[in-house]
Structures are given as C-alpha cells and as structure tokens.
Amino acid sequence: MKIAVFGAGGRIGSRIVDEALRRGHDVTAAVRHPERYIKVHEHLKVAKADLFNSQDVETAAFNQDAVVVSYSPTNGAPASTLTEVVVPIINGLKQAHTKRLIIVGGAGSLEVAPGVQLVDTPDFPEAYKAVALAHREALKAYQKTTDLDWTFASPSAEITPGERTGKFRTAKNQLLTDANGKSYISMEDYAVGIIDEIENPMHIREVFTIGY
C-alpha cells in the first residue's frame, strides 16, 4: 500500500514509518523540514508539507491509499493548533480524493466509566490538560466529517519508547488498563496497531485505543 505519514520525524510518527516499511509498504514521509529528515529506504520518499496548508496536504496525500496524521504541538506551539489543523487536513484529503485517514489522538477523550472521559477526572495531570482538551475538540470536528474514512487512534494514558512485542489489546473508546490499573502502550506497539488498522480497517469513523 501507499501510506503518507505527516509528522514522520516525530517520536510516534517515525515509528509508524518504520512499521509500515517493515511490512513492505511504500511510505511518503510528509515533514515541514525535509532537509532535517535523514531516514533513507528504498520504499521511502520525503515530501515537504505543512499541515496548516491544505495545498501541501493535498500534494502529499495525492495517490495514497491511506494518510496518517501524527501531529503534536512542539517548539512552543499552543495546544489549540491540534484543532486548527483539522480543516486543512480534511480539505487537503478531499482535494486529493484520498478517503482513508488515521489520526494519532490522545487518551484524554477515552471513557473511564460510562459518560466519564479521562480528561474530566479529578486526578488528570494539569500539565497535559490543554493538549487533551484540544484533542477532544479535534475529534468532535472529525466526527462531523462523513465523506472521509477517518479513524481516531487514541493511545493508552502512558505512551513511551519501548519494545515492539506485537501483543496488545484494542478497544473502542474505553481506556484500557492492566491488572494493576496501569494504562500503557509502547510507541512501537502503538505503531503496529496503526498499521494493522490500515491493512485491516475495523474502526471506520470511530475512536479506538491500543494498550496492554
């Protein structure tokens, strides 16, 4: 398959690129600064793309079977940019006539009890709240889109670099926890779950989560 990954230079995006290449897919790494992107592979090409520009999105998404957006506010960018990129992403994909979209989301909008989302619980860390709320607003915007086959992929509460085991669970919009109440997934296994969903779509126009 042909897969474009926006944010391919990031910690999660780079692992999604690696997993896709591992399985023999043709990958386009869509990054703002291609001169800084150093990965080389025979099935990899690099495209300059700014998610805030629908024309850039269209160009990178053109002739792709699926597009993954792995965007997080960095270098002082406000959390609100998570919602600001939604419109250019949607418009760019529509212009490119590419329907399949996977969004790297946040855990905050996952339910911990019926009708109770993680971000609304008393112990949710204040440092992550603005980003979690922005992810939730972005999700609401994607949910209004009916002509894209989008999937909002929420990681577990904790996601860090780790091991690729290929062994994990998935759920719809309920936070996954282990026997000790810990909600965790490695970035490597999260990437496996993303490519699994591209190869075998199970959550069209839905939220799903990946965890141990």
Protein backbone atom coordinates (compact mmCIF):
# COMPACT_ATOMS: atom_id res chain seq x y z
CA MET A 1 0.00 0.00 0.00
CA LYS A 2 0.94 3.65 -0.33
CA ILE A 3 0.90 5.41 3.01
CA ALA A 4 1.68 9.08 3.72
CA VAL A 5 2.73 9.93 7.27
CA PHE A 6 2.50 13.55 8.38
CA GLY A 7 4.80 14.21 11.31
CA ALA A 8 7.10 11.40 10.18
CA GLY A 9 10.04 12.91 12.02
CA GLY A 10 8.35 12.80 15.43
CA ARG A 11 8.71 10.12 18.08
CA ILE A 12 5.45 8.38 17.21
CA GLY A 13 5.41 9.27 13.51
CA SER A 14 8.90 7.85 12.97
CA ARG A 15 7.83 4.53 14.46
CA ILE A 16 4.75 4.42 12.25
CA VAL A 17 7.05 4.95 9.24
CA ASP A 18 9.34 2.16 10.45
CA GLU A 19 6.45 -0.26 10.94
CA ALA A 20 4.97 0.48 7.51
CA LEU A 21 8.35 -0.02 5.83
CA ARG A 22 8.92 -3.21 7.82
CA ARG A 23 5.78 -4.61 6.18
CA GLY A 24 6.79 -3.61 2.68
CA HIS A 25 4.54 -0.59 2.16
CA ASP A 26 5.55 2.46 0.12
CA VAL A 27 5.79 5.39 2.52
CA THR A 28 5.80 9.14 1.98
CA ALA A 29 7.28 11.00 4.94
CA ALA A 30 5.49 14.34 4.94
CA VAL A 31 7.55 16.77 7.03
CA ARG A 32 7.91 20.53 7.37
CA HIS A 33 11.70 20.42 7.12
CA PRO A 34 12.79 17.67 4.71
CA GLU A 35 16.39 18.82 4.96
CA ARG A 36 16.38 17.59 8.58
CA TYR A 37 14.86 14.21 7.77
CA ILE A 38 17.67 11.70 7.48
CA LYS A 39 15.97 8.30 7.15
CA VAL A 40 16.72 6.55 3.84
CA HIS A 41 14.91 3.48 2.49
CA GLU A 42 14.13 2.16 -0.97
CA HIS A 43 10.39 2.32 -0.26
CA LEU A 44 10.52 5.77 1.33
CA LYS A 45 10.21 9.19 -0.23
CA VAL A 46 10.15 12.55 1.51
CA ALA A 47 7.71 15.38 0.85
CA LYS A 48 7.74 18.92 2.22
CA ALA A 49 4.38 19.52 3.81
CA ASP A 50 2.82 21.91 6.29
CA LEU A 51 -0.38 20.61 7.89
CA PHE A 52 -1.70 24.16 8.15
CA ASN A 53 -1.71 24.40 4.34
CA SER A 54 -4.42 22.38 2.58
CA GLN A 55 -2.50 22.54 -0.71
CA ASP A 56 0.51 20.91 0.95
CA VAL A 57 -1.77 18.27 2.45
CA GLU A 58 -3.33 17.62 -0.95
CA THR A 59 0.05 17.23 -2.64
CA ALA A 60 1.39 14.77 -0.06
CA ALA A 61 -1.90 12.85 0.16
CA PHE A 62 -2.41 12.51 -3.60
CA ASN A 63 -2.43 8.93 -4.90
CA GLN A 64 -2.08 7.47 -1.38
CA ASP A 65 -4.12 4.57 -0.03
CA ALA A 66 -4.02 5.99 3.48
CA VAL A 67 -2.82 9.06 5.32
CA VAL A 68 -1.62 9.10 8.94
CA VAL A 69 -1.50 12.39 10.82
CA SER A 70 0.84 12.31 13.80
CA TYR A 71 0.85 15.93 14.94
CA SER A 72 1.64 17.28 18.38
CA PRO A 73 2.28 20.88 19.41
CA THR A 74 6.03 21.37 19.76
CA ASN A 75 8.50 24.25 19.94
CA GLY A 76 6.07 26.41 21.87
CA ALA A 77 3.07 25.87 19.58
CA PRO A 78 -0.19 26.24 21.53
CA ALA A 79 -2.41 23.22 22.14
CA SER A 80 -5.11 24.86 20.04
CA THR A 81 -3.11 24.07 16.89
CA LEU A 82 -4.38 20.48 17.24
CA THR A 83 -7.80 21.76 16.27
CA GLU A 84 -6.54 24.37 13.81
CA VAL A 85 -5.02 21.72 11.52
CA VAL A 86 -8.28 19.79 11.19
CA VAL A 87 -9.79 21.95 8.43
CA PRO A 88 -6.70 21.99 6.17
CA ILE A 89 -6.29 18.24 6.72
CA ILE A 90 -9.89 17.50 5.75
CA ASN A 91 -9.84 19.89 2.80
CA GLY A 92 -6.48 18.62 1.57
CA LEU A 93 -7.60 14.99 1.61
CA LYS A 94 -10.84 15.84 -0.16
CA GLN A 95 -8.91 17.73 -2.84
CA ALA A 96 -6.57 14.75 -3.23
CA HIS A 97 -9.53 12.33 -3.42
CA THR A 98 -7.93 10.28 -0.65
CA LYS A 99 -10.51 8.99 1.81
CA ARG A 100 -8.59 6.96 4.41
CA LEU A 101 -7.29 8.99 7.34
CA ILE A 102 -5.79 7.81 10.63
CA ILE A 103 -5.34 10.46 13.32
CA VAL A 104 -2.92 9.95 16.20
CA GLY A 105 -5.13 11.15 19.04
CA GLY A 106 -4.89 11.47 22.78
CA ALA A 107 -6.07 9.34 25.68
CA GLY A 108 -7.99 12.16 27.35
CA SER A 109 -11.22 11.58 25.44
CA LEU A 110 -11.34 7.86 26.31
CA GLU A 111 -14.00 6.81 28.80
CA VAL A 112 -13.03 5.54 32.24
CA ALA A 113 -16.70 4.99 33.18
CA PRO A 114 -19.92 5.39 31.19
CA GLY A 115 -20.06 9.02 30.10
CA VAL A 116 -16.89 9.98 32.01
CA GLN A 117 -13.80 10.81 29.98
CA LEU A 118 -10.28 10.55 31.36
CA VAL A 119 -9.56 14.27 30.91
CA ASP A 120 -12.52 15.12 33.16
CA THR A 121 -11.35 13.01 36.10
CA PRO A 122 -10.03 14.86 39.20
CA ASP A 123 -6.53 13.35 39.03
CA PHE A 124 -5.86 14.14 35.38
CA PRO A 125 -2.45 15.90 35.23
CA GLU A 126 -2.82 19.64 34.72
CA ALA A 127 0.29 19.71 32.51
CA TYR A 128 -1.45 17.59 29.86
CA LYS A 129 -4.93 19.05 30.14
CA ALA A 130 -4.76 21.70 27.42
CA VAL A 131 -3.50 19.19 24.86
CA ALA A 132 -6.07 16.59 25.92
CA LEU A 133 -8.92 19.09 25.59
CA ALA A 134 -7.63 20.20 22.18
CA HIS A 135 -7.51 16.57 21.03
CA ARG A 136 -11.12 16.22 22.15
CA GLU A 137 -12.17 19.30 20.18
CA ALA A 138 -10.33 17.97 17.13
CA LEU A 139 -12.17 14.66 17.48
CA LYS A 140 -15.51 16.48 17.51
CA ALA A 141 -14.55 18.17 14.24
CA TYR A 142 -13.57 14.86 12.62
CA GLN A 143 -16.84 13.31 13.81
CA LYS A 144 -18.75 15.82 11.69
CA THR A 145 -16.94 14.59 8.56
CA THR A 146 -18.95 12.00 6.65
CA ASP A 147 -17.04 11.78 3.37
CA LEU A 148 -13.69 10.65 4.79
CA ASP A 149 -12.99 7.19 6.20
CA TRP A 150 -11.31 8.58 9.33
CA THR A 151 -10.15 6.71 12.42
CA PHE A 152 -9.10 8.44 15.65
CA ALA A 153 -6.44 6.24 17.25
CA SER A 154 -6.03 7.02 20.94
CA PRO A 155 -3.03 5.57 22.75
CA SER A 156 -3.20 4.45 26.37
CA ALA A 157 -2.72 7.06 29.08
CA GLU A 158 1.05 6.48 29.02
CA ILE A 159 2.92 6.03 25.75
CA THR A 160 6.72 5.94 25.69
CA PRO A 161 9.52 4.50 23.58
CA GLY A 162 9.83 0.80 24.32
CA GLU A 163 9.68 -2.66 22.80
CA ARG A 164 7.82 -3.96 19.77
CA THR A 165 6.06 -7.07 21.07
CA GLY A 166 3.09 -7.21 18.69
CA LYS A 167 0.99 -8.27 21.69
CA PHE A 168 -1.60 -5.78 22.88
CA ARG A 169 -5.33 -5.21 23.16
CA THR A 170 -7.61 -2.82 21.33
CA ALA A 171 -10.93 -1.32 22.36
CA LYS A 172 -13.26 1.34 21.08
CA ASN A 173 -13.46 4.43 23.28
CA GLN A 174 -12.78 2.84 26.68
CA LEU A 175 -9.43 3.33 28.40
CA LEU A 176 -7.52 0.04 28.65
CA THR A 177 -5.74 -0.79 31.92
CA ASP A 178 -3.78 -3.82 33.07
CA ALA A 179 -4.36 -5.88 36.21
CA ASN A 180 -2.61 -3.20 38.27
CA GLY A 181 -4.69 -0.38 36.85
CA LYS A 182 -1.87 0.90 34.64
CA SER A 183 -2.74 2.23 31.19
CA TYR A 184 0.33 1.90 28.98
CA ILE A 185 1.49 1.15 25.43
CA SER A 186 4.92 1.39 23.84
CA MET A 187 5.26 3.67 20.82
CA GLU A 188 6.46 0.65 18.85
CA ASP A 189 3.34 -1.43 19.58
CA TYR A 190 1.10 1.58 19.05
CA ALA A 191 2.63 1.85 15.55
CA VAL A 192 1.86 -1.84 14.99
CA GLY A 193 -1.77 -1.14 15.89
CA ILE A 194 -1.92 1.80 13.47
CA ILE A 195 -0.62 -0.23 10.52
CA ASP A 196 -2.91 -3.14 11.47
CA GLU A 197 -5.86 -0.75 11.20
CA ILE A 198 -4.70 0.48 7.79
CA GLU A 199 -4.26 -3.06 6.47
CA ASN A 200 -7.48 -4.36 8.01
CA PRO A 201 -9.88 -1.48 8.74
CA MET A 202 -12.00 -2.20 11.81
CA HIS A 203 -12.80 1.30 13.06
CA ILE A 204 -14.05 3.46 10.20
CA ARG A 205 -15.35 6.78 11.59
CA GLU A 206 -14.67 5.60 15.11
CA VAL A 207 -12.32 6.09 18.03
CA PHE A 208 -10.23 3.11 19.03
CA THR A 209 -7.45 2.64 21.53
CA ILE A 210 -4.38 0.43 21.80
CA GLY A 211 -2.99 -0.78 25.11
CA TYR A 212 -1.65 -3.71 27.12
